Amino acid sequence: MSELLETAELLASELVTNAYQHSSGSYSLRMRDAGRSRVRLGVWDTDPRIPAPFRWSEQAPAELAERGRRLYLVTLYAECWGAYPMRGGLPGQGGKLLWVECAAKPDCRSGELP
């Protein structure tokens, strides 16, 4: 699925950067095949707050906003996205999981799905 490489790199970079900047503890990235020429990326971190745009009530940042634009890129490049609060478990194992999926686009010239 080499056609997903650039999009997957961008999405992983945005999610990991968010975890690095806003979490004081551990964080991790997981990537897996989501079927039908799709890849799912998930980033877990110890900060329990769900950022915009993963809170569905949020709107796009203002044109000249200095913050909040990076994760908004996720909504432009990901096919779908979501967040799960992580509670319980061992100390330090709470936090949240942010996930995104990207998909290969059909080849418009041939009219076939990948």
PDB file of N, CA and C in Angstrom:
ATOM      1  N   MET A   1       0.839  -1.192   0.000  1.00  0.00           N
ATOM      2  CA  MET A   1       0.000   0.000   0.000  1.00  0.00           C
ATOM      3  C   MET A   1       0.879   1.248   0.000  1.00  0.00           C
ATOM      4  N   SER A   2       1.805   1.284  -0.938  1.00  0.00           N
ATOM      5  CA  SER A   2       2.741   2.404  -0.997  1.00  0.00           C
ATOM      6  C   SER A   2       2.043   3.735  -1.248  1.00  0.00           C
ATOM      7  N   GLU A   3       0.839   3.716  -1.859  1.00  0.00           N
ATOM      8  CA  GLU A   3       0.120   4.965  -2.104  1.00  0.00           C
ATOM      9  C   GLU A   3      -0.355   5.637  -0.815  1.00  0.00           C
ATOM     10  N   LEU A   4      -0.313   4.907   0.301  1.00  0.00           N
ATOM     11  CA  LEU A   4      -0.719   5.480   1.588  1.00  0.00           C
ATOM     12  C   LEU A   4       0.458   6.035   2.385  1.00  0.00           C
ATOM     13  N   LEU A   5       1.658   5.847   1.904  1.00  0.00           N
ATOM     14  CA  LEU A   5       2.852   6.183   2.671  1.00  0.00           C
ATOM     15  C   LEU A   5       2.891   7.640   3.121  1.00  0.00           C
ATOM     16  N   GLU A   6       2.740   8.587   2.212  1.00  0.00           N
ATOM     17  CA  GLU A   6       2.841  10.009   2.582  1.00  0.00           C
ATOM     18  C   GLU A   6       1.737  10.417   3.549  1.00  0.00           C
ATOM     19  N   THR A   7       0.512   9.975   3.292  1.00  0.00           N
ATOM     20  CA  THR A   7      -0.601  10.329   4.183  1.00  0.00           C
ATOM     21  C   THR A   7      -0.401   9.708   5.558  1.00  0.00           C
ATOM     22  N   ALA A   8       0.006   8.448   5.601  1.00  0.00           N
ATOM     23  CA  ALA A   8       0.235   7.780   6.884  1.00  0.00           C
ATOM     24  C   ALA A   8       1.355   8.461   7.668  1.00  0.00           C
ATOM     25  N   GLU A   9       2.422   8.867   6.985  1.00  0.00           N
ATOM     26  CA  GLU A   9       3.519   9.581   7.652  1.00  0.00           C
ATOM     27  C   GLU A   9       3.046  10.901   8.241  1.00  0.00           C
ATOM     28  N   LEU A  10       2.264  11.666   7.477  1.00  0.00           N
ATOM     29  CA  LEU A  10       1.745  12.943   7.961  1.00  0.00           C
ATOM     30  C   LEU A  10       0.866  12.725   9.193  1.00  0.00           C
ATOM     31  N   LEU A  11      -0.063  11.788   9.114  1.00  0.00           N
ATOM     32  CA  LEU A  11      -0.974  11.542  10.225  1.00  0.00           C
ATOM     33  C   LEU A  11      -0.222  11.050  11.461  1.00  0.00           C
ATOM     34  N   ALA A  12       0.727  10.137  11.285  1.00  0.00           N
ATOM     35  CA  ALA A  12       1.517   9.651  12.418  1.00  0.00           C
ATOM     36  C   ALA A  12       2.301  10.793  13.046  1.00  0.00           C
ATOM     37  N   SER A  13       2.906  11.637  12.216  1.00  0.00           N
ATOM     38  CA  SER A  13       3.673  12.767  12.717  1.00  0.00           C
ATOM     39  C   SER A  13       2.814  13.711  13.558  1.00  0.00           C
ATOM     40  N   GLU A  14       1.631  14.019  13.080  1.00  0.00           N
ATOM     41  CA  GLU A  14       0.748  14.934  13.816  1.00  0.00           C
ATOM     42  C   GLU A  14       0.319  14.338  15.151  1.00  0.00           C
ATOM     43  N   LEU A  15      -0.036  13.057  15.159  1.00  0.00           N
ATOM     44  CA  LEU A  15      -0.500  12.422  16.395  1.00  0.00           C
ATOM     45  C   LEU A  15       0.635  12.260  17.407  1.00  0.00           C
ATOM     46  N   VAL A  16       1.810  11.842  16.950  1.00  0.00           N
ATOM     47  CA  VAL A  16       2.942  11.669  17.858  1.00  0.00           C
ATOM     48  C   VAL A  16       3.421  13.016  18.380  1.00  0.00           C
ATOM     49  N   THR A  17       3.450  14.033  17.530  1.00  0.00           N
ATOM     50  CA  THR A  17       3.838  15.375  17.979  1.00  0.00           C
ATOM     51  C   THR A  17       2.889  15.882  19.050  1.00  0.00           C
ATOM     52  N   ASN A  18       1.589  15.657  18.867  1.00  0.00           N
ATOM     53  CA  ASN A  18       0.614  16.062  19.873  1.00  0.00           C
ATOM     54  C   ASN A  18       0.879  15.352  21.199  1.00  0.00           C
ATOM     55  N   ALA A  19       1.149  14.059  21.158  1.00  0.00           N
ATOM     56  CA  ALA A  19       1.435  13.301  22.377  1.00  0.00           C
ATOM     57  C   ALA A  19       2.701  13.826  23.052  1.00  0.00           C
ATOM     58  N   TYR A  20       3.733  14.093  22.272  1.00  0.00           N
ATOM     59  CA  TYR A  20       4.998  14.607  22.811  1.00  0.00           C
ATOM     60  C   TYR A  20       4.803  15.962  23.484  1.00  0.00           C
ATOM     61  N   GLN A  21       4.050  16.845  22.851  1.00  0.00           N
ATOM     62  CA  GLN A  21       3.881  18.203  23.367  1.00  0.00           C
ATOM     63  C   GLN A  21       2.934  18.278  24.558  1.00  0.00           C
ATOM     64  N   HIS A  22       1.953  17.399  24.628  1.00  0.00           N
ATOM     65  CA  HIS A  22       0.904  17.572  25.633  1.00  0.00           C
ATOM     66  C   HIS A  22       0.841  16.490  26.691  1.00  0.00           C
ATOM     67  N   SER A  23       1.702  15.515  26.641  1.00  0.00           N
ATOM     68  CA  SER A  23       1.697  14.453  27.635  1.00  0.00           C
ATOM     69  C   SER A  23       3.012  14.468  28.390  1.00  0.00           C
ATOM     70  N   SER A  24       2.940  14.354  29.698  1.00  0.00           N
ATOM     71  CA  SER A  24       4.171  14.353  30.488  1.00  0.00           C
ATOM     72  C   SER A  24       4.701  12.940  30.717  1.00  0.00           C
ATOM     73  N   GLY A  25       3.980  11.952  30.239  1.00  0.00           N
ATOM     74  CA  GLY A  25       4.398  10.566  30.442  1.00  0.00           C
ATOM     75  C   GLY A  25       4.700   9.875  29.135  1.00  0.00           C
ATOM     76  N   SER A  26       4.552   8.575  29.172  1.00  0.00           N
ATOM     77  CA  SER A  26       4.829   7.745  28.008  1.00  0.00           C
ATOM     78  C   SER A  26       3.794   7.941  26.920  1.00  0.00           C
ATOM     79  N   TYR A  27       4.185   7.560  25.704  1.00  0.00           N
ATOM     80  CA  TYR A  27       3.246   7.530  24.580  1.00  0.00           C
ATOM     81  C   TYR A  27       3.746   6.484  23.590  1.00  0.00           C
ATOM     82  N   SER A  28       2.846   6.000  22.760  1.00  0.00           N
ATOM     83  CA  SER A  28       3.242   4.992  21.782  1.00  0.00           C
ATOM     84  C   SER A  28       2.382   5.094  20.528  1.00  0.00           C
ATOM     85  N   LEU A  29       2.960   4.646  19.421  1.00  0.00           N
ATOM     86  CA  LEU A  29       2.303   4.639  18.120  1.00  0.00           C
ATOM     87  C   LEU A  29       2.098   3.193  17.699  1.00  0.00           C
ATOM     88  N   ARG A  30       0.919   2.904  17.169  1.00  0.00           N
ATOM     89  CA  ARG A  30       0.647   1.577  16.629  1.00  0.00           C
ATOM     90  C   ARG A  30       0.019   1.743  15.249  1.00  0.00           C
ATOM     91  N   MET A  31       0.476   0.936  14.293  1.00  0.00           N
ATOM     92  CA  MET A  31      -0.070   0.979  12.946  1.00  0.00           C
ATOM     93  C   MET A  31      -0.482  -0.434  12.567  1.00  0.00           C
ATOM     94  N   ARG A  32      -1.668  -0.555  11.931  1.00  0.00           N
ATOM     95  CA  ARG A  32      -2.108  -1.888  11.517  1.00  0.00           C
ATOM     96  C   ARG A  32      -2.952  -1.807  10.265  1.00  0.00           C
ATOM     97  N   ASP A  33      -3.039  -2.904   9.581  1.00  0.00           N
ATOM     98  CA  ASP A  33      -3.888  -3.038   8.400  1.00  0.00           C
ATOM     99  C   ASP A  33      -5.339  -3.015   8.869  1.00  0.00           C
ATOM    100  N   ALA A  34      -6.153  -2.171   8.276  1.00  0.00           N
ATOM    101  CA  ALA A  34      -7.566  -2.074   8.650  1.00  0.00           C
ATOM    102  C   ALA A  34      -8.459  -2.674   7.565  1.00  0.00           C
ATOM    103  N   GLY A  35      -7.875  -3.399   6.608  1.00  0.00           N
ATOM    104  CA  GLY A  35      -8.652  -4.052   5.554  1.00  0.00           C
ATOM    105  C   GLY A  35      -9.046  -3.093   4.448  1.00  0.00           C
ATOM    106  N   ARG A  36      -9.453  -3.639   3.312  1.00  0.00           N
ATOM    107  CA  ARG A  36      -9.930  -2.853   2.168  1.00  0.00           C
ATOM    108  C   ARG A  36      -8.998  -1.692   1.831  1.00  0.00           C
ATOM    109  N   SER A  37      -7.683  -1.965   1.751  1.00  0.00           N
ATOM    110  CA  SER A  37      -6.672  -0.949   1.409  1.00  0.00           C
ATOM    111  C   SER A  37      -6.713   0.239   2.361  1.00  0.00           C
ATOM    112  N   ARG A  38      -6.848  -0.059   3.659  1.00  0.00           N
ATOM    113  CA  ARG A  38      -6.883   0.959   4.707  1.00  0.00           C
ATOM    114  C   ARG A  38      -5.797   0.669   5.736  1.00  0.00           C
ATOM    115  N   VAL A  39      -5.286   1.720   6.334  1.00  0.00           N
ATOM    116  CA  VAL A  39      -4.328   1.621   7.430  1.00  0.00           C
ATOM    117  C   VAL A  39      -4.891   2.396   8.607  1.00  0.00           C
ATOM    118  N   ARG A  40      -4.794   1.818   9.810  1.00  0.00           N
ATOM    119  CA  ARG A  40      -5.221   2.511  11.026  1.00  0.00           C
ATOM    120  C   ARG A  40      -3.990   2.809  11.867  1.00  0.00           C
ATOM    121  N   LEU A  41      -3.883   4.075  12.282  1.00  0.00           N
ATOM    122  CA  LEU A  41      -2.816   4.533  13.168  1.00  0.00           C
ATOM    123  C   LEU A  41      -3.450   4.909  14.495  1.00  0.00           C
ATOM    124  N   GLY A  42      -2.842   4.498  15.570  1.00  0.00           N
ATOM    125  CA  GLY A  42      -3.323   4.864  16.894  1.00  0.00           C
ATOM    126  C   GLY A  42      -2.172   5.360  17.739  1.00  0.00           C
ATOM    127  N   VAL A  43      -2.392   6.426  18.496  1.00  0.00           N
ATOM    128  CA  VAL A  43      -1.380   6.933  19.413  1.00  0.00           C
ATOM    129  C   VAL A  43      -2.011   7.019  20.801  1.00  0.00           C
ATOM    130  N   TRP A  44      -1.395   6.293  21.728  1.00  0.00           N
ATOM    131  CA  TRP A  44      -1.803   6.343  23.132  1.00  0.00           C
ATOM    132  C   TRP A  44      -0.851   7.256  23.871  1.00  0.00           C
ATOM    133  N   ASP A  45      -1.395   8.078  24.794  1.00  0.00           N
ATOM    134  CA  ASP A  45      -0.547   8.856  25.693  1.00  0.00           C
ATOM    135  C   ASP A  45      -1.228   8.971  27.048  1.00  0.00           C
ATOM    136  N   THR A  46      -0.507   9.504  28.030  1.00  0.00           N
ATOM    137  CA  THR A  46      -0.997   9.542  29.407  1.00  0.00           C
ATOM    138  C   THR A  46      -1.866  10.745  29.737  1.00  0.00           C
ATOM    139  N   ASP A  47      -2.000  11.685  28.832  1.00  0.00           N
ATOM    140  CA  ASP A  47      -2.842  12.859  29.060  1.00  0.00           C
ATOM    141  C   ASP A  47      -4.295  12.485  28.753  1.00  0.00           C
ATOM    142  N   PRO A  48      -5.210  12.594  29.716  1.00  0.00           N
ATOM    143  CA  PRO A  48      -6.591  12.158  29.491  1.00  0.00           C
ATOM    144  C   PRO A  48      -7.439  13.114  28.651  1.00  0.00           C
ATOM    145  N   ARG A  49      -6.959  14.332  28.415  1.00  0.00           N
ATOM    146  CA  ARG A  49      -7.774  15.302  27.681  1.00  0.00           C
ATOM    147  C   ARG A  49      -7.843  14.962  26.196  1.00  0.00           C
ATOM    148  N   ILE A  50      -9.076  14.962  25.656  1.00  0.00           N
ATOM    149  CA  ILE A  50      -9.296  14.704  24.232  1.00  0.00           C
ATOM    150  C   ILE A  50      -9.225  16.052  23.506  1.00  0.00           C
ATOM    151  N   PRO A  51      -8.267  16.233  22.586  1.00  0.00           N
ATOM    152  CA  PRO A  51      -8.118  17.527  21.911  1.00  0.00           C
ATOM    153  C   PRO A  51      -9.089  17.692  20.743  1.00  0.00           C
ATOM    154  N   ALA A  52      -9.311  18.948  20.362  1.00  0.00           N
ATOM    155  CA  ALA A  52     -10.024  19.222  19.112  1.00  0.00           C
ATOM    156  C   ALA A  52      -9.099  18.778  18.006  1.00  0.00           C
ATOM    157  N   PRO A  53      -9.551  18.275  16.945  1.00  0.00           N
ATOM    158  CA  PRO A  53     -10.910  18.077  16.463  1.00  0.00           C
ATOM    159  C   PRO A  53     -11.519  16.730  16.846  1.00  0.00           C
ATOM    160  N   PHE A  54     -10.886  15.996  17.766  1.00  0.00           N
ATOM    161  CA  PHE A  54     -11.407  14.702  18.164  1.00  0.00           C
ATOM    162  C   PHE A  54     -12.649  14.833  19.038  1.00  0.00           C
ATOM    163  N   ARG A  55     -12.889  16.025  19.573  1.00  0.00           N
ATOM    164  CA  ARG A  55     -14.178  16.327  20.222  1.00  0.00           C
ATOM    165  C   ARG A  55     -15.065  16.841  19.105  1.00  0.00           C
ATOM    166  N   TRP A  56     -16.106  16.137  18.799  1.00  0.00           N
ATOM    167  CA  TRP A  56     -16.916  16.388  17.604  1.00  0.00           C
ATOM    168  C   TRP A  56     -17.566  17.759  17.572  1.00  0.00           C
ATOM    169  N   SER A  57     -17.664  18.449  18.694  1.00  0.00           N
ATOM    170  CA  SER A  57     -18.322  19.756  18.701  1.00  0.00           C
ATOM    171  C   SER A  57     -17.402  20.879  18.246  1.00  0.00           C
ATOM    172  N   GLU A  58     -16.156  20.591  18.050  1.00  0.00           N
ATOM    173  CA  GLU A  58     -15.193  21.632  17.690  1.00  0.00           C
ATOM    174  C   GLU A  58     -15.294  22.017  16.223  1.00  0.00           C
ATOM    175  N   GLN A  59     -14.974  23.271  15.941  1.00  0.00           N
ATOM    176  CA  GLN A  59     -14.956  23.774  14.570  1.00  0.00           C
ATOM    177  C   GLN A  59     -13.506  23.986  14.138  1.00  0.00           C
ATOM    178  N   ALA A  60     -13.325  24.272  12.873  1.00  0.00           N
ATOM    179  CA  ALA A  60     -11.991  24.539  12.344  1.00  0.00           C
ATOM    180  C   ALA A  60     -11.384  25.745  13.059  1.00  0.00           C
ATOM    181  N   PRO A  61     -10.053  25.754  13.246  1.00  0.00           N
ATOM    182  CA  PRO A  61      -9.416  26.911  13.871  1.00  0.00           C
ATOM    183  C   PRO A  61      -9.530  28.133  12.973  1.00  0.00           C
ATOM    184  N   ALA A  62      -9.472  29.297  13.596  1.00  0.00           N
ATOM    185  CA  ALA A  62      -9.504  30.542  12.837  1.00  0.00           C
ATOM    186  C   ALA A  62      -8.320  30.590  11.881  1.00  0.00           C
ATOM    187  N   GLU A  63      -8.474  31.303  10.787  1.00  0.00           N
ATOM    188  CA  GLU A  63      -7.451  31.347   9.743  1.00  0.00           C
ATOM    189  C   GLU A  63      -6.081  31.758  10.272  1.00  0.00           C
ATOM    190  N   LEU A  64      -6.038  32.688  11.204  1.00  0.00           N
ATOM    191  CA  LEU A  64      -4.767  33.175  11.742  1.00  0.00           C
ATOM    192  C   LEU A  64      -4.437  32.583  13.116  1.00  0.00           C
ATOM    193  N   ALA A  65      -5.135  31.524  13.513  1.00  0.00           N
ATOM    194  CA  ALA A  65      -4.892  30.907  14.821  1.00  0.00           C
ATOM    195  C   ALA A  65      -3.469  30.377  14.901  1.00  0.00           C
ATOM    196  N   GLU A  66      -2.854  30.558  16.075  1.00  0.00           N
ATOM    197  CA  GLU A  66      -1.498  30.067  16.266  1.00  0.00           C
ATOM    198  C   GLU A  66      -1.480  28.653  16.819  1.00  0.00           C
ATOM    199  N   ARG A  67      -2.606  28.179  17.342  1.00  0.00           N
ATOM    200  CA  ARG A  67      -2.684  26.841  17.924  1.00  0.00           C
ATOM    201  C   ARG A  67      -3.894  26.116  17.350  1.00  0.00           C
ATOM    202  N   GLY A  68      -3.858  24.774  17.429  1.00  0.00           N
ATOM    203  CA  GLY A  68      -5.000  23.976  17.026  1.00  0.00           C
ATOM    204  C   GLY A  68      -5.063  23.626  15.553  1.00  0.00           C
ATOM    205  N   ARG A  69      -4.093  24.047  14.794  1.00  0.00           N
ATOM    206  CA  ARG A  69      -4.131  23.796  13.349  1.00  0.00           C
ATOM    207  C   ARG A  69      -3.571  22.422  12.998  1.00  0.00           C
ATOM    208  N   ARG A  70      -2.617  21.931  13.773  1.00  0.00           N
ATOM    209  CA  ARG A  70      -1.951  20.676  13.430  1.00  0.00           C
ATOM    210  C   ARG A  70      -2.914  19.501  13.419  1.00  0.00           C
ATOM    211  N   LEU A  71      -3.658  19.310  14.502  1.00  0.00           N
ATOM    212  CA  LEU A  71      -4.582  18.180  14.521  1.00  0.00           C
ATOM    213  C   LEU A  71      -5.749  18.404  13.574  1.00  0.00           C
ATOM    214  N   TYR A  72      -6.024  19.648  13.227  1.00  0.00           N
ATOM    215  CA  TYR A  72      -7.069  19.887  12.241  1.00  0.00           C
ATOM    216  C   TYR A  72      -6.663  19.282  10.891  1.00  0.00           C
ATOM    217  N   LEU A  73      -5.356  19.213  10.616  1.00  0.00           N
ATOM    218  CA  LEU A  73      -4.890  18.551   9.398  1.00  0.00           C
ATOM    219  C   LEU A  73      -5.374  17.105   9.331  1.00  0.00           C
ATOM    220  N   VAL A  74      -5.525  16.495  10.488  1.00  0.00           N
ATOM    221  CA  VAL A  74      -6.018  15.119  10.541  1.00  0.00           C
ATOM    222  C   VAL A  74      -7.374  15.017   9.866  1.00  0.00           C
ATOM    223  N   THR A  75      -8.238  15.979  10.108  1.00  0.00           N
ATOM    224  CA  THR A  75      -9.586  15.927   9.519  1.00  0.00           C
ATOM    225  C   THR A  75      -9.549  16.112   8.009  1.00  0.00           C
ATOM    226  N   LEU A  76      -8.488  16.714   7.502  1.00  0.00           N
ATOM    227  CA  LEU A  76      -8.372  16.936   6.067  1.00  0.00           C
ATOM    228  C   LEU A  76      -7.782  15.731   5.332  1.00  0.00           C
ATOM    229  N   TYR A  77      -6.946  14.950   6.007  1.00  0.00           N
ATOM    230  CA  TYR A  77      -6.242  13.854   5.349  1.00  0.00           C
ATOM    231  C   TYR A  77      -6.715  12.462   5.751  1.00  0.00           C
ATOM    232  N   ALA A  78      -7.361  12.332   6.883  1.00  0.00           N
ATOM    233  CA  ALA A  78      -7.827  11.017   7.334  1.00  0.00           C
ATOM    234  C   ALA A  78      -9.221  10.732   6.790  1.00  0.00           C
ATOM    235  N   GLU A  79      -9.474   9.478   6.521  1.00  0.00           N
ATOM    236  CA  GLU A  79     -10.813   9.060   6.095  1.00  0.00           C
ATOM    237  C   GLU A  79     -11.773   9.093   7.271  1.00  0.00           C
ATOM    238  N   CYS A  80     -11.293   8.701   8.446  1.00  0.00           N
ATOM    239  CA  CYS A  80     -12.093   8.762   9.674  1.00  0.00           C
ATOM    240  C   CYS A  80     -11.135   8.845  10.849  1.00  0.00           C
ATOM    241  N   TRP A  81     -11.635   9.253  11.985  1.00  0.00           N
ATOM    242  CA  TRP A  81     -10.813   9.433  13.168  1.00  0.00           C
ATOM    243  C   TRP A  81     -11.697   9.340  14.395  1.00  0.00           C
ATOM    244  N   GLY A  82     -11.063   9.170  15.544  1.00  0.00           N
ATOM    245  CA  GLY A  82     -11.797   9.088  16.791  1.00  0.00           C
ATOM    246  C   GLY A  82     -10.854   9.087  17.982  1.00  0.00           C
ATOM    247  N   ALA A  83     -11.447   9.037  19.161  1.00  0.00           N
ATOM    248  CA  ALA A  83     -10.672   9.059  20.399  1.00  0.00           C
ATOM    249  C   ALA A  83     -11.394   8.231  21.447  1.00  0.00           C
ATOM    250  N   TYR A  84     -10.612   7.605  22.304  1.00  0.00           N
ATOM    251  CA  TYR A  84     -11.140   6.832  23.418  1.00  0.00           C
ATOM    252  C   TYR A  84     -10.424   7.249  24.685  1.00  0.00           C
ATOM    253  N   PRO A  85     -11.166   7.626  25.735  1.00  0.00           N
ATOM    254  CA  PRO A  85     -10.512   7.840  27.027  1.00  0.00           C
ATOM    255  C   PRO A  85     -10.118   6.475  27.592  1.00  0.00           C
ATOM    256  N   MET A  86      -8.956   6.386  28.199  1.00  0.00           N
ATOM    257  CA  MET A  86      -8.471   5.131  28.788  1.00  0.00           C
ATOM    258  C   MET A  86      -8.463   5.313  30.298  1.00  0.00           C
ATOM    259  N   ARG A  87      -9.265   4.528  30.982  1.00  0.00           N
ATOM    260  CA  ARG A  87      -9.367   4.628  32.442  1.00  0.00           C
ATOM    261  C   ARG A  87      -8.993   3.297  33.069  1.00  0.00           C
ATOM    262  N   GLY A  88      -8.608   3.364  34.339  1.00  0.00           N
ATOM    263  CA  GLY A  88      -8.322   2.134  35.066  1.00  0.00           C
ATOM    264  C   GLY A  88      -6.988   1.537  34.694  1.00  0.00           C
ATOM    265  N   GLY A  89      -6.839   0.274  35.041  1.00  0.00           N
ATOM    266  CA  GLY A  89      -5.584  -0.401  34.744  1.00  0.00           C
ATOM    267  C   GLY A  89      -4.513  -0.033  35.741  1.00  0.00           C
ATOM    268  N   LEU A  90      -3.283  -0.266  35.382  1.00  0.00           N
ATOM    269  CA  LEU A  90      -2.150   0.029  36.233  1.00  0.00           C
ATOM    270  C   LEU A  90      -1.919   1.532  36.320  1.00  0.00           C
ATOM    271  N   PRO A  91      -1.292   2.006  37.408  1.00  0.00           N
ATOM    272  CA  PRO A  91      -0.976   3.437  37.492  1.00  0.00           C
ATOM    273  C   PRO A  91      -0.159   3.874  36.279  1.00  0.00           C
ATOM    274  N   GLY A  92      -0.509   5.012  35.737  1.00  0.00           N
ATOM    275  CA  GLY A  92       0.181   5.535  34.568  1.00  0.00           C
ATOM    276  C   GLY A  92      -0.309   4.943  33.260  1.00  0.00           C
ATOM    277  N   GLN A  93      -1.299   4.062  33.301  1.00  0.00           N
ATOM    278  CA  GLN A  93      -1.800   3.420  32.090  1.00  0.00           C
ATOM    279  C   GLN A  93      -3.135   4.002  31.636  1.00  0.00           C
ATOM    280  N   GLY A  94      -3.554   5.102  32.217  1.00  0.00           N
ATOM    281  CA  GLY A  94      -4.771   5.771  31.775  1.00  0.00           C
ATOM    282  C   GLY A  94      -4.464   6.589  30.540  1.00  0.00           C
ATOM    283  N   GLY A  95      -5.091   7.732  30.426  1.00  0.00           N
ATOM    284  CA  GLY A  95      -4.814   8.619  29.304  1.00  0.00           C
ATOM    285  C   GLY A  95      -5.854   8.495  28.217  1.00  0.00           C
ATOM    286  N   LYS A  96      -5.389   8.485  26.972  1.00  0.00           N
ATOM    287  CA  LYS A  96      -6.321   8.433  25.842  1.00  0.00           C
ATOM    288  C   LYS A  96      -5.662   7.739  24.663  1.00  0.00           C
ATOM    289  N   LEU A  97      -6.497   7.342  23.728  1.00  0.00           N
ATOM    290  CA  LEU A  97      -6.045   6.787  22.464  1.00  0.00           C
ATOM    291  C   LEU A  97      -6.691   7.596  21.358  1.00  0.00           C
ATOM    292  N   LEU A  98      -5.886   8.216  20.511  1.00  0.00           N
ATOM    293  CA  LEU A  98      -6.376   8.897  19.321  1.00  0.00           C
ATOM    294  C   LEU A  98      -6.074   7.997  18.130  1.00  0.00           C
ATOM    295  N   TRP A  99      -7.044   7.821  17.241  1.00  0.00           N
ATOM    296  CA  TRP A  99      -6.828   6.948  16.089  1.00  0.00           C
ATOM    297  C   TRP A  99      -7.326   7.616  14.813  1.00  0.00           C
ATOM    298  N   VAL A 100      -6.720   7.233  13.708  1.00  0.00           N
ATOM    299  CA  VAL A 100      -7.112   7.715  12.386  1.00  0.00           C
ATOM    300  C   VAL A 100      -6.991   6.558  11.403  1.00  0.00           C
ATOM    301  N   GLU A 101      -7.732   6.646  10.317  1.00  0.00           N
ATOM    302  CA  GLU A 101      -7.592   5.698   9.222  1.00  0.00           C
ATOM    303  C   GLU A 101      -7.388   6.468   7.929  1.00  0.00           C
ATOM    304  N   CYS A 102      -6.518   5.934   7.084  1.00  0.00           N
ATOM    305  CA  CYS A 102      -6.374   6.472   5.741  1.00  0.00           C
ATOM    306  C   CYS A 102      -6.589   5.324   4.770  1.00  0.00           C
ATOM    307  N   ALA A 103      -7.099   5.657   3.601  1.00  0.00           N
ATOM    308  CA  ALA A 103      -7.464   4.631   2.619  1.00  0.00           C
ATOM    309  C   ALA A 103      -6.913   4.984   1.256  1.00  0.00           C
ATOM    310  N   ALA A 104      -6.598   3.949   0.504  1.00  0.00           N
ATOM    311  CA  ALA A 104      -6.170   4.138  -0.884  1.00  0.00           C
ATOM    312  C   ALA A 104      -7.369   4.609  -1.697  1.00  0.00           C
ATOM    313  N   LYS A 105      -7.130   5.536  -2.569  1.00  0.00           N
ATOM    314  CA  LYS A 105      -8.196   6.062  -3.432  1.00  0.00           C
ATOM    315  C   LYS A 105      -8.342   5.170  -4.653  1.00  0.00           C
ATOM    316  N   PRO A 106      -9.564   5.030  -5.182  1.00  0.00           N
ATOM    317  CA  PRO A 106      -9.727   4.242  -6.403  1.00  0.00           C
ATOM    318  C   PRO A 106      -8.977   4.888  -7.569  1.00  0.00           C
ATOM    319  N   ASP A 107      -8.527   4.070  -8.476  1.00  0.00           N
ATOM    320  CA  ASP A 107      -7.859   4.563  -9.668  1.00  0.00           C
ATOM    321  C   ASP A 107      -8.941   5.083 -10.616  1.00  0.00           C
ATOM    322  N   CYS A 108      -9.058   6.386 -10.721  1.00  0.00           N
ATOM    323  CA  CYS A 108     -10.126   7.007 -11.508  1.00  0.00           C
ATOM    324  C   CYS A 108     -10.000   6.703 -13.004  1.00  0.00           C
ATOM    325  N   ARG A 109      -8.784   6.464 -13.449  1.00  0.00           N
ATOM    326  CA  ARG A 109      -8.602   6.178 -14.887  1.00  0.00           C
ATOM    327  C   ARG A 109      -9.200   4.827 -15.262  1.00  0.00           C
ATOM    328  N   SER A 110      -9.050   3.847 -14.387  1.00  0.00           N
ATOM    329  CA  SER A 110      -9.532   2.518 -14.732  1.00  0.00           C
ATOM    330  C   SER A 110     -10.942   2.263 -14.234  1.00  0.00           C
ATOM    331  N   GLY A 111     -11.402   3.083 -13.289  1.00  0.00           N
ATOM    332  CA  GLY A 111     -12.727   2.887 -12.712  1.00  0.00           C
ATOM    333  C   GLY A 111     -12.771   1.729 -11.736  1.00  0.00           C
ATOM    334  N   GLU A 112     -11.590   1.192 -11.366  1.00  0.00           N
ATOM    335  CA  GLU A 112     -11.536   0.053 -10.459  1.00  0.00           C
ATOM    336  C   GLU A 112     -11.149   0.497  -9.068  1.00  0.00           C
ATOM    337  N   LEU A 113     -11.634  -0.248  -8.098  1.00  0.00           N
ATOM    338  CA  LEU A 113     -11.217  -0.025  -6.731  1.00  0.00           C
ATOM    339  C   LEU A 113      -9.888  -0.729  -6.518  1.00  0.00           C
ATOM    340  N   PRO A 114      -9.043  -0.183  -5.630  1.00  0.00           N
ATOM    341  CA  PRO A 114      -7.746  -0.824  -5.363  1.00  0.00           C
ATOM    342  C   PRO A 114      -7.936  -2.181  -4.713  1.00  0.00           C
TER     343      PRO A 114
END
